[in-house]
């Protein structure tokens, strides 16, 4: 086996054109990157200042926040719940119960006040007996109506006009 030749490296001072060009290119690249970073930092700072100004301006021109809602007293809350319950009643059931079964009765109008639960019905009947029977049938609808009263019976050219008032059950 042959032994490998021994190589001794000795540092020498040689300056090559390639080395200088490479070193110059690295320096220019580092300077360009530093310049780009500095300009981006400057833009970021300007945008942050602009954003702060916009936030301050928006805060000055924003409508005032509404005051927090007052908590209702238990009595007021109960009254509000009752009024909402009155508005959310079963209107179709009321209409079915008030609608007459007989063709001898025609309803002319029905006025319902949901806040008080009062009902005012006006209609036209062929005779006073039929109007009384209709009022009595409404008074027997105790699940829906109470305090049914026949307010008026009046003879007209087209028949007997009647008016009935009642209270809508809760």
N, C-alpha and C. Protein backbone atom coordinates (compact mmCIF):
# COMPACT_ATOMS: atom_id res chain seq x y z
N UNK A 1 0.80 -1.17 0.00
CA UNK A 1 0.00 0.00 0.00
C UNK A 1 0.85 1.25 0.00
N UNK A 2 0.40 2.13 -0.79
CA UNK A 2 1.14 3.37 -0.87
C UNK A 2 0.59 4.34 0.14
N UNK A 3 1.37 5.10 0.67
CA UNK A 3 0.89 6.11 1.60
C UNK A 3 0.46 7.35 0.82
N UNK A 4 -0.45 7.99 1.41
CA UNK A 4 -0.98 9.18 0.77
C UNK A 4 0.03 10.31 0.89
N UNK A 5 0.08 11.12 -0.10
CA UNK A 5 1.02 12.23 0.01
C UNK A 5 0.56 13.23 1.05
N UNK A 6 1.44 13.81 1.71
CA UNK A 6 1.10 14.80 2.74
C UNK A 6 1.02 16.16 2.09
N UNK A 7 -0.11 16.76 2.31
CA UNK A 7 -0.31 18.09 1.75
C UNK A 7 -0.27 19.10 2.88
N UNK A 8 0.46 20.07 2.70
CA UNK A 8 0.54 21.14 3.69
C UNK A 8 -0.03 22.40 3.08
N UNK A 9 -0.95 22.97 3.80
CA UNK A 9 -1.56 24.19 3.29
C UNK A 9 -0.91 25.36 3.93
N UNK A 10 -0.55 26.29 3.16
CA UNK A 10 0.07 27.50 3.66
C UNK A 10 -0.77 28.66 3.20
N UNK A 11 -1.15 29.50 4.13
CA UNK A 11 -1.95 30.67 3.79
C UNK A 11 -1.11 31.64 3.00
N UNK A 12 -1.67 32.09 1.94
CA UNK A 12 -0.98 33.09 1.14
C UNK A 12 -1.92 34.26 0.94
N UNK A 13 -1.36 35.36 0.67
CA UNK A 13 -2.17 36.55 0.47
C UNK A 13 -2.34 36.77 -1.01
N UNK A 14 -3.50 36.32 -1.46
CA UNK A 14 -3.78 36.59 -2.85
C UNK A 14 -5.16 37.20 -2.94
N UNK A 15 -5.27 38.24 -3.62
CA UNK A 15 -6.56 38.88 -3.80
C UNK A 15 -7.00 38.59 -5.22
N UNK A 16 -8.20 38.00 -5.28
CA UNK A 16 -8.70 37.70 -6.62
C UNK A 16 -9.86 38.62 -6.96
N UNK A 17 -10.09 38.79 -8.20
CA UNK A 17 -11.16 39.65 -8.68
C UNK A 17 -12.51 39.05 -8.30
N UNK A 18 -12.60 37.76 -8.40
CA UNK A 18 -13.86 37.11 -8.03
C UNK A 18 -14.20 37.34 -6.57
N UNK A 19 -13.27 37.21 -5.71
CA UNK A 19 -13.51 37.42 -4.29
C UNK A 19 -13.97 38.83 -3.99
N UNK A 20 -13.35 39.79 -4.64
CA UNK A 20 -13.74 41.19 -4.44
C UNK A 20 -15.15 41.42 -4.95
N UNK A 21 -15.46 40.87 -6.12
CA UNK A 21 -16.81 41.03 -6.66
C UNK A 21 -17.85 40.36 -5.77
N UNK A 22 -17.53 39.19 -5.28
CA UNK A 22 -18.45 38.49 -4.38
C UNK A 22 -18.67 39.27 -3.10
N UNK A 23 -17.61 39.78 -2.53
CA UNK A 23 -17.72 40.58 -1.32
C UNK A 23 -18.52 41.85 -1.58
N UNK A 24 -18.32 42.49 -2.69
CA UNK A 24 -19.08 43.69 -3.05
C UNK A 24 -20.56 43.40 -3.25
N UNK A 25 -20.85 42.27 -3.91
CA UNK A 25 -22.25 41.89 -4.13
C UNK A 25 -22.94 41.62 -2.80
N UNK A 26 -22.25 40.96 -1.87
CA UNK A 26 -22.83 40.71 -0.54
C UNK A 26 -23.09 42.01 0.19
N UNK A 27 -22.17 42.93 0.12
CA UNK A 27 -22.34 44.22 0.80
C UNK A 27 -23.50 45.00 0.21
N UNK A 28 -23.64 45.00 -1.11
CA UNK A 28 -24.74 45.72 -1.77
C UNK A 28 -26.08 45.06 -1.40
N UNK A 29 -26.13 43.74 -1.37
CA UNK A 29 -27.36 43.03 -1.01
C UNK A 29 -27.76 43.34 0.43
N UNK A 30 -26.80 43.33 1.33
CA UNK A 30 -27.10 43.64 2.73
C UNK A 30 -27.59 45.07 2.87
N UNK A 31 -26.98 46.00 2.16
CA UNK A 31 -27.41 47.40 2.23
C UNK A 31 -28.82 47.56 1.66
N UNK A 32 -29.11 46.88 0.55
CA UNK A 32 -30.45 46.97 -0.05
C UNK A 32 -31.50 46.39 0.89
N UNK A 33 -31.20 45.26 1.50
CA UNK A 33 -32.15 44.66 2.44
C UNK A 33 -32.36 45.55 3.66
N UNK A 34 -31.29 46.18 4.14
CA UNK A 34 -31.43 47.09 5.28
C UNK A 34 -32.30 48.29 4.90
N UNK A 35 -32.13 48.82 3.69
CA UNK A 35 -32.92 49.96 3.22
C UNK A 35 -34.40 49.58 3.10
N UNK A 36 -34.68 48.41 2.54
CA UNK A 36 -36.07 47.95 2.40
C UNK A 36 -36.70 47.77 3.78
N UNK A 37 -35.96 47.19 4.72
CA UNK A 37 -36.50 47.00 6.07
C UNK A 37 -36.78 48.34 6.73
N UNK A 38 -35.89 49.30 6.58
CA UNK A 38 -36.09 50.63 7.17
C UNK A 38 -37.30 51.32 6.56
N UNK A 39 -37.49 51.20 5.24
CA UNK A 39 -38.65 51.85 4.62
C UNK A 39 -39.95 51.16 5.04
N UNK A 40 -39.94 49.84 5.20
CA UNK A 40 -41.14 49.15 5.67
C UNK A 40 -41.46 49.52 7.12
N UNK A 41 -40.44 49.65 7.95
CA UNK A 41 -40.67 50.09 9.34
C UNK A 41 -41.26 51.49 9.37
N UNK A 42 -40.77 52.37 8.49
CA UNK A 42 -41.29 53.74 8.43
C UNK A 42 -42.76 53.74 8.00
N UNK A 43 -43.09 52.94 6.98
CA UNK A 43 -44.48 52.85 6.54
C UNK A 43 -45.38 52.30 7.64
N UNK A 44 -44.90 51.30 8.36
CA UNK A 44 -45.68 50.72 9.45
C UNK A 44 -45.94 51.75 10.54
N UNK A 45 -44.93 52.53 10.88
CA UNK A 45 -45.09 53.57 11.89
C UNK A 45 -46.09 54.63 11.43
N UNK A 46 -46.01 55.03 10.16
CA UNK A 46 -46.96 56.02 9.62
C UNK A 46 -48.38 55.47 9.64
N UNK A 47 -48.56 54.21 9.28
CA UNK A 47 -49.90 53.62 9.29
C UNK A 47 -50.46 53.51 10.71
N UNK A 48 -49.61 53.20 11.68
CA UNK A 48 -50.07 53.13 13.07
C UNK A 48 -50.51 54.49 13.56
N UNK A 49 -49.76 55.54 13.21
CA UNK A 49 -50.14 56.91 13.60
C UNK A 49 -51.46 57.28 12.92
N UNK A 50 -51.59 56.95 11.64
CA UNK A 50 -52.82 57.24 10.91
C UNK A 50 -54.01 56.49 11.53
N UNK A 51 -53.81 55.24 11.90
CA UNK A 51 -54.87 54.46 12.53
C UNK A 51 -55.26 55.06 13.87
N UNK A 52 -54.29 55.49 14.66
CA UNK A 52 -54.60 56.13 15.94
C UNK A 52 -55.42 57.39 15.74
N UNK A 53 -55.07 58.19 14.71
CA UNK A 53 -55.85 59.41 14.42
C UNK A 53 -57.27 59.06 14.01
N UNK A 54 -57.43 58.03 13.19
CA UNK A 54 -58.77 57.64 12.74
C UNK A 54 -59.61 57.13 13.91
N UNK A 55 -59.00 56.39 14.82
CA UNK A 55 -59.73 55.89 15.98
C UNK A 55 -60.16 57.05 16.87
N UNK A 56 -59.28 58.02 17.07
CA UNK A 56 -59.63 59.18 17.89
C UNK A 56 -60.75 59.98 17.23
N UNK A 57 -60.69 60.16 15.91
CA UNK A 57 -61.72 60.90 15.19
C UNK A 57 -63.05 60.16 15.24
N UNK A 58 -63.01 58.85 15.07
CA UNK A 58 -64.25 58.07 15.13
C UNK A 58 -64.86 58.11 16.52
N UNK A 59 -64.01 58.14 17.54
CA UNK A 59 -64.53 58.21 18.92
C UNK A 59 -65.22 59.54 19.17
N UNK A 60 -64.70 60.62 18.56
CA UNK A 60 -65.33 61.93 18.76
C UNK A 60 -66.65 62.04 18.03
N UNK A 61 -66.77 61.41 16.87
CA UNK A 61 -67.98 61.55 16.05
C UNK A 61 -68.95 60.39 16.22
N UNK A 62 -68.64 59.44 17.03
CA UNK A 62 -69.54 58.30 17.25
C UNK A 62 -70.73 58.75 18.09
N UNK A 63 -71.90 58.18 17.81
CA UNK A 63 -73.05 58.54 18.64
C UNK A 63 -72.83 58.06 20.07
N UNK A 64 -73.39 58.77 21.01
CA UNK A 64 -73.18 58.36 22.41
C UNK A 64 -73.84 57.00 22.66
N UNK A 65 -73.21 56.26 23.50
CA UNK A 65 -73.77 54.95 23.84
C UNK A 65 -75.04 55.15 24.65
N UNK A 66 -76.05 54.36 24.36
CA UNK A 66 -77.28 54.51 25.14
C UNK A 66 -77.04 54.09 26.59
N UNK A 67 -77.77 54.74 27.44
CA UNK A 67 -77.67 54.41 28.86
C UNK A 67 -78.18 52.98 29.06
N UNK A 68 -77.64 52.29 30.02
CA UNK A 68 -78.12 50.93 30.25
C UNK A 68 -79.60 50.95 30.62
N UNK A 69 -80.30 49.94 30.12
CA UNK A 69 -81.74 49.88 30.38
C UNK A 69 -81.99 49.69 31.87
N UNK A 70 -83.02 50.37 32.31
CA UNK A 70 -83.39 50.25 33.71
C UNK A 70 -84.08 48.91 33.93
N UNK A 71 -83.80 48.32 35.03
CA UNK A 71 -84.45 47.07 35.39
C UNK A 71 -85.85 47.41 35.90
N UNK A 72 -86.83 46.70 35.37
CA UNK A 72 -88.20 46.96 35.77
C UNK A 72 -88.47 46.39 37.16
N UNK A 73 -89.33 47.07 37.86
CA UNK A 73 -89.74 46.55 39.16
C UNK A 73 -90.59 45.29 38.93
N UNK A 74 -90.74 44.46 39.94
CA UNK A 74 -91.55 43.24 39.75
C UNK A 74 -92.98 43.54 39.32
N UNK A 75 -93.56 44.63 39.84
CA UNK A 75 -94.94 44.97 39.45
C UNK A 75 -94.99 45.40 37.99
N UNK A 76 -94.02 46.21 37.58
CA UNK A 76 -93.99 46.65 36.18
C UNK A 76 -93.72 45.47 35.25
N UNK A 77 -92.85 44.57 35.66
CA UNK A 77 -92.56 43.39 34.84
C UNK A 77 -93.80 42.51 34.73
N UNK A 78 -94.56 42.37 35.82
CA UNK A 78 -95.79 41.58 35.79
C UNK A 78 -96.81 42.22 34.84
N UNK A 79 -96.92 43.55 34.90
CA UNK A 79 -97.86 44.24 34.02
C UNK A 79 -97.44 44.09 32.56
N UNK A 80 -96.15 44.20 32.29
CA UNK A 80 -95.66 44.04 30.92
C UNK A 80 -95.91 42.62 30.42
N UNK A 81 -95.66 41.62 31.26
CA UNK A 81 -95.92 40.23 30.88
C UNK A 81 -97.40 40.00 30.61
N UNK A 82 -98.25 40.63 31.39
CA UNK A 82 -99.69 40.49 31.20
C UNK A 82 -100.12 41.12 29.87
N UNK A 83 -99.58 42.30 29.56
CA UNK A 83 -99.93 42.96 28.30
C UNK A 83 -99.43 42.16 27.10
N UNK A 84 -98.25 41.59 27.20
CA UNK A 84 -97.75 40.76 26.11
C UNK A 84 -98.62 39.51 25.97
N UNK A 85 -99.04 38.96 27.09
CA UNK A 85 -99.93 37.81 27.05
C UNK A 85 -101.27 38.15 26.41
N UNK A 86 -101.77 39.36 26.66
CA UNK A 86 -103.02 39.78 26.04
C UNK A 86 -102.87 39.89 24.52
N UNK A 87 -101.73 40.38 24.09
CA UNK A 87 -101.52 40.52 22.65
C UNK A 87 -101.31 39.16 21.98
N UNK A 88 -100.82 38.20 22.72
CA UNK A 88 -100.53 36.88 22.15
C UNK A 88 -101.66 35.88 22.39
N UNK A 89 -102.84 36.36 22.54
CA UNK A 89 -103.98 35.46 22.75
C UNK A 89 -104.31 34.70 21.48
N UNK A 90 -105.20 33.72 21.63
CA UNK A 90 -105.63 32.90 20.50
C UNK A 90 -106.76 33.62 19.76
N UNK A 91 -106.40 34.40 18.78
CA UNK A 91 -107.38 35.20 18.04
C UNK A 91 -108.28 34.32 17.17
N UNK A 92 -107.75 33.24 16.64
CA UNK A 92 -108.58 32.38 15.80
C UNK A 92 -109.67 31.70 16.61
N UNK A 93 -109.35 31.30 17.84
CA UNK A 93 -110.37 30.69 18.70
C UNK A 93 -111.46 31.70 19.01
N UNK A 94 -111.08 32.95 19.29
CA UNK A 94 -112.07 33.98 19.56
C UNK A 94 -112.97 34.19 18.35
N UNK A 95 -112.38 34.27 17.17
CA UNK A 95 -113.18 34.48 15.96
C UNK A 95 -114.14 33.32 15.72
N UNK A 96 -113.67 32.08 15.97
CA UNK A 96 -114.55 30.92 15.79
C UNK A 96 -115.70 30.95 16.78
N UNK A 97 -115.43 31.34 18.02
CA UNK A 97 -116.48 31.33 19.04
C UNK A 97 -117.50 32.46 18.82
N UNK A 98 -117.07 33.56 18.26
CA UNK A 98 -117.98 34.69 18.07
C UNK A 98 -118.78 34.54 16.77
N UNK A 99 -118.23 33.86 15.80
CA UNK A 99 -118.92 33.71 14.51
C UNK A 99 -120.25 32.97 14.73
N UNK A 100 -121.34 33.52 14.20
CA UNK A 100 -122.65 32.88 14.40
C UNK A 100 -122.79 31.62 13.54
N UNK A 101 -123.55 30.65 14.09
CA UNK A 101 -123.80 29.40 13.37
C UNK A 101 -124.96 29.57 12.38
N UNK A 102 -125.84 30.49 12.67
CA UNK A 102 -127.06 30.66 11.88
C UNK A 102 -126.84 31.67 10.76
N UNK A 103 -127.52 31.44 9.64
CA UNK A 103 -127.47 32.39 8.54
C UNK A 103 -128.42 33.56 8.79
N UNK A 104 -129.19 33.47 9.87
CA UNK A 104 -130.13 34.54 10.20
C UNK A 104 -129.43 35.69 10.92
N UNK A 105 -128.14 35.53 11.21
CA UNK A 105 -127.37 36.57 11.90
C UNK A 105 -126.18 36.93 11.03
N UNK A 106 -125.97 38.22 10.85
CA UNK A 106 -124.80 38.72 10.12
C UNK A 106 -124.03 39.65 11.04
N UNK A 107 -122.75 39.39 11.19
CA UNK A 107 -121.92 40.28 12.01
C UNK A 107 -121.49 41.46 11.15
N UNK A 108 -121.69 42.65 11.69
CA UNK A 108 -121.30 43.86 10.98
C UNK A 108 -119.92 44.34 11.40
N UNK A 109 -119.58 44.10 12.65
CA UNK A 109 -118.27 44.55 13.12
C UNK A 109 -117.92 43.93 14.45
N UNK A 110 -116.63 43.87 14.70
CA UNK A 110 -116.15 43.35 15.97
C UNK A 110 -114.96 44.22 16.37
N UNK A 111 -115.04 44.82 17.53
CA UNK A 111 -113.98 45.68 18.03
C UNK A 111 -113.40 45.02 19.27
N UNK A 112 -112.11 44.69 19.22
CA UNK A 112 -111.45 44.02 20.33
C UNK A 112 -110.33 44.92 20.83
N UNK A 113 -110.32 45.15 22.13
CA UNK A 113 -109.23 45.89 22.76
C UNK A 113 -108.36 44.88 23.51
N UNK A 114 -107.18 44.53 22.96
CA UNK A 114 -106.38 43.48 23.59
C UNK A 114 -105.82 43.90 24.94
N UNK A 115 -105.65 45.19 25.18
CA UNK A 115 -105.09 45.62 26.46
C UNK A 115 -106.07 45.40 27.60
N UNK A 116 -107.35 45.67 27.35
CA UNK A 116 -108.34 45.50 28.42
C UNK A 116 -109.10 44.18 28.28
N UNK A 117 -109.05 43.58 27.10
CA UNK A 117 -109.77 42.33 26.88
C UNK A 117 -111.25 42.52 26.60
N UNK A 118 -111.66 43.75 26.30
CA UNK A 118 -113.08 43.99 26.02
C UNK A 118 -113.37 43.75 24.54
N UNK A 119 -114.57 43.23 24.30
CA UNK A 119 -115.01 42.91 22.95
C UNK A 119 -116.35 43.58 22.73
N UNK A 120 -116.50 44.20 21.58
CA UNK A 120 -117.76 44.85 21.23
C UNK A 120 -118.16 44.32 19.85
N UNK A 121 -119.31 43.64 19.79
CA UNK A 121 -119.78 43.02 18.55
C UNK A 121 -121.06 43.71 18.13
N UNK A 122 -121.14 44.07 16.86
CA UNK A 122 -122.39 44.61 16.33
C UNK A 122 -122.81 43.73 15.16
N UNK A 123 -124.12 43.55 15.03
CA UNK A 123 -124.60 42.66 13.99
C UNK A 123 -126.03 42.96 13.59
N UNK A 124 -126.51 42.13 12.69
CA UNK A 124 -127.85 42.28 12.14
C UNK A 124 -128.53 40.91 12.20
N UNK A 125 -129.73 40.87 12.79
CA UNK A 125 -130.48 39.61 12.93
C UNK A 125 -131.84 39.77 12.28
N UNK A 126 -132.44 38.61 11.98
CA UNK A 126 -133.77 38.64 11.37
C UNK A 126 -134.84 39.04 12.37
N UNK A 127 -134.65 38.66 13.66
CA UNK A 127 -135.64 39.01 14.68
C UNK A 127 -134.94 39.22 16.01
N UNK A 128 -135.67 39.79 16.96
CA UNK A 128 -135.11 40.02 18.29
C UNK A 128 -134.86 38.69 19.00
N UNK A 129 -135.68 37.69 18.75
CA UNK A 129 -135.50 36.39 19.37
C UNK A 129 -134.16 35.77 18.95
N UNK A 130 -133.85 35.87 17.68
CA UNK A 130 -132.59 35.31 17.19
C UNK A 130 -131.40 36.07 17.77
N UNK A 131 -131.52 37.39 17.90
CA UNK A 131 -130.45 38.19 18.51
C UNK A 131 -130.25 37.79 19.97
N UNK A 132 -131.35 37.56 20.70
CA UNK A 132 -131.25 37.13 22.10
C UNK A 132 -130.64 35.73 22.20
N UNK A 133 -131.01 34.84 21.31
CA UNK A 133 -130.43 33.48 21.32
C UNK A 133 -128.93 33.56 21.06
N UNK A 134 -128.54 34.41 20.12
CA UNK A 134 -127.11 34.57 19.82
C UNK A 134 -126.36 35.12 21.05
N UNK A 135 -126.93 36.11 21.73
CA UNK A 135 -126.29 36.67 22.93
C UNK A 135 -126.20 35.60 24.02
N UNK A 136 -127.24 34.78 24.18
CA UNK A 136 -127.22 33.72 25.17
C UNK A 136 -126.17 32.67 24.82
N UNK A 137 -126.02 32.35 23.53
CA UNK A 137 -125.00 31.36 23.14
C UNK A 137 -123.58 31.90 23.41
N UNK A 138 -123.40 33.20 23.26
CA UNK A 138 -122.09 33.78 23.59
C UNK A 138 -121.84 33.73 25.10
N UNK A 139 -122.89 33.95 25.90
CA UNK A 139 -122.71 33.93 27.35
C UNK A 139 -122.39 32.52 27.84
N UNK A 140 -122.73 31.50 27.07
CA UNK A 140 -122.42 30.12 27.46
C UNK A 140 -121.00 29.71 27.05
N UNK A 141 -120.30 30.56 26.34
CA UNK A 141 -118.91 30.29 25.94
C UNK A 141 -117.98 30.74 27.08
N UNK A 142 -118.10 30.11 28.23
CA UNK A 142 -117.37 30.57 29.42
C UNK A 142 -115.87 30.33 29.32
N UNK A 143 -115.43 29.45 28.45
CA UNK A 143 -113.99 29.22 28.31
C UNK A 143 -113.31 30.39 27.62
N UNK A 144 -114.08 31.14 26.82
CA UNK A 144 -113.48 32.23 26.06
C UNK A 144 -114.00 33.59 26.52
N UNK A 145 -115.30 33.68 26.82
CA UNK A 145 -115.92 34.97 27.13
C UNK A 145 -116.54 34.97 28.51
N UNK A 146 -116.61 36.15 29.09
CA UNK A 146 -117.32 36.35 30.36
C UNK A 146 -117.99 37.72 30.30
N UNK A 147 -118.91 37.95 31.19
CA UNK A 147 -119.65 39.21 31.29
C UNK A 147 -120.26 39.63 29.94
N UNK A 148 -120.97 38.71 29.32
CA UNK A 148 -121.60 39.00 28.03
C UNK A 148 -122.88 39.79 28.30
N UNK A 149 -123.02 40.92 27.62
CA UNK A 149 -124.20 41.78 27.81
C UNK A 149 -124.75 42.21 26.44
N UNK A 150 -126.05 42.10 26.31
CA UNK A 150 -126.71 42.61 25.12
C UNK A 150 -126.99 44.09 25.37
N UNK A 151 -126.29 44.96 24.66
CA UNK A 151 -126.38 46.39 24.93
C UNK A 151 -127.54 47.05 24.20
N UNK A 152 -127.80 46.62 22.99
CA UNK A 152 -128.79 47.35 22.21
C UNK A 152 -129.49 46.42 21.22
N UNK A 153 -130.78 46.62 21.09
CA UNK A 153 -131.59 46.01 20.04
C UNK A 153 -132.35 47.15 19.38
N UNK A 154 -132.18 47.30 18.09
CA UNK A 154 -132.87 48.39 17.39
C UNK A 154 -133.40 47.87 16.06
N UNK A 155 -134.65 48.23 15.79
CA UNK A 155 -135.26 47.79 14.55
C UNK A 155 -134.83 48.75 13.44
N UNK A 156 -134.39 48.17 12.35
CA UNK A 156 -134.00 48.97 11.19
C UNK A 156 -134.70 48.48 9.95
N UNK A 157 -134.42 49.12 8.82
CA UNK A 157 -135.05 48.73 7.56
C UNK A 157 -134.60 47.34 7.11
N UNK A 158 -133.36 46.99 7.43
CA UNK A 158 -132.82 45.71 6.97
C UNK A 158 -132.89 44.62 8.03
N UNK A 159 -133.47 44.86 9.18
CA UNK A 159 -133.61 43.86 10.23
C UNK A 159 -133.34 44.46 11.60
N UNK A 160 -133.05 43.61 12.54
CA UNK A 160 -132.79 44.03 13.92
C UNK A 160 -131.28 44.21 14.10
N UNK A 161 -130.89 45.41 14.45
CA UNK A 161 -129.48 45.67 14.75
C UNK A 161 -129.27 45.46 16.24
N UNK A 162 -128.15 44.78 16.57
CA UNK A 162 -127.85 44.53 17.98
C UNK A 162 -126.38 44.82 18.25
N UNK A 163 -126.11 45.07 19.52
CA UNK A 163 -124.74 45.28 19.98
C UNK A 163 -124.54 44.47 21.25
N UNK A 164 -123.43 43.78 21.31
CA UNK A 164 -123.09 42.93 22.46
C UNK A 164 -121.70 43.29 22.93
N UNK A 165 -121.54 43.38 24.24
CA UNK A 165 -120.19 43.57 24.80
C UNK A 165 -119.85 42.36 25.66
N UNK A 166 -118.56 42.08 25.77
CA UNK A 166 -118.10 40.94 26.56
C UNK A 166 -116.65 41.19 26.97
N UNK A 167 -116.18 40.36 27.87
CA UNK A 167 -114.78 40.38 28.30
C UNK A 167 -114.13 39.08 27.85
N UNK A 168 -112.96 39.20 27.33
CA UNK A 168 -112.20 38.04 26.87
C UNK A 168 -111.48 37.44 28.06
N UNK A 169 -111.65 36.14 28.29
CA UNK A 169 -111.00 35.48 29.42
C UNK A 169 -109.50 35.41 29.21
N UNK A 170 -108.77 35.51 30.30
CA UNK A 170 -107.30 35.40 30.23
C UNK A 170 -106.87 33.98 30.04
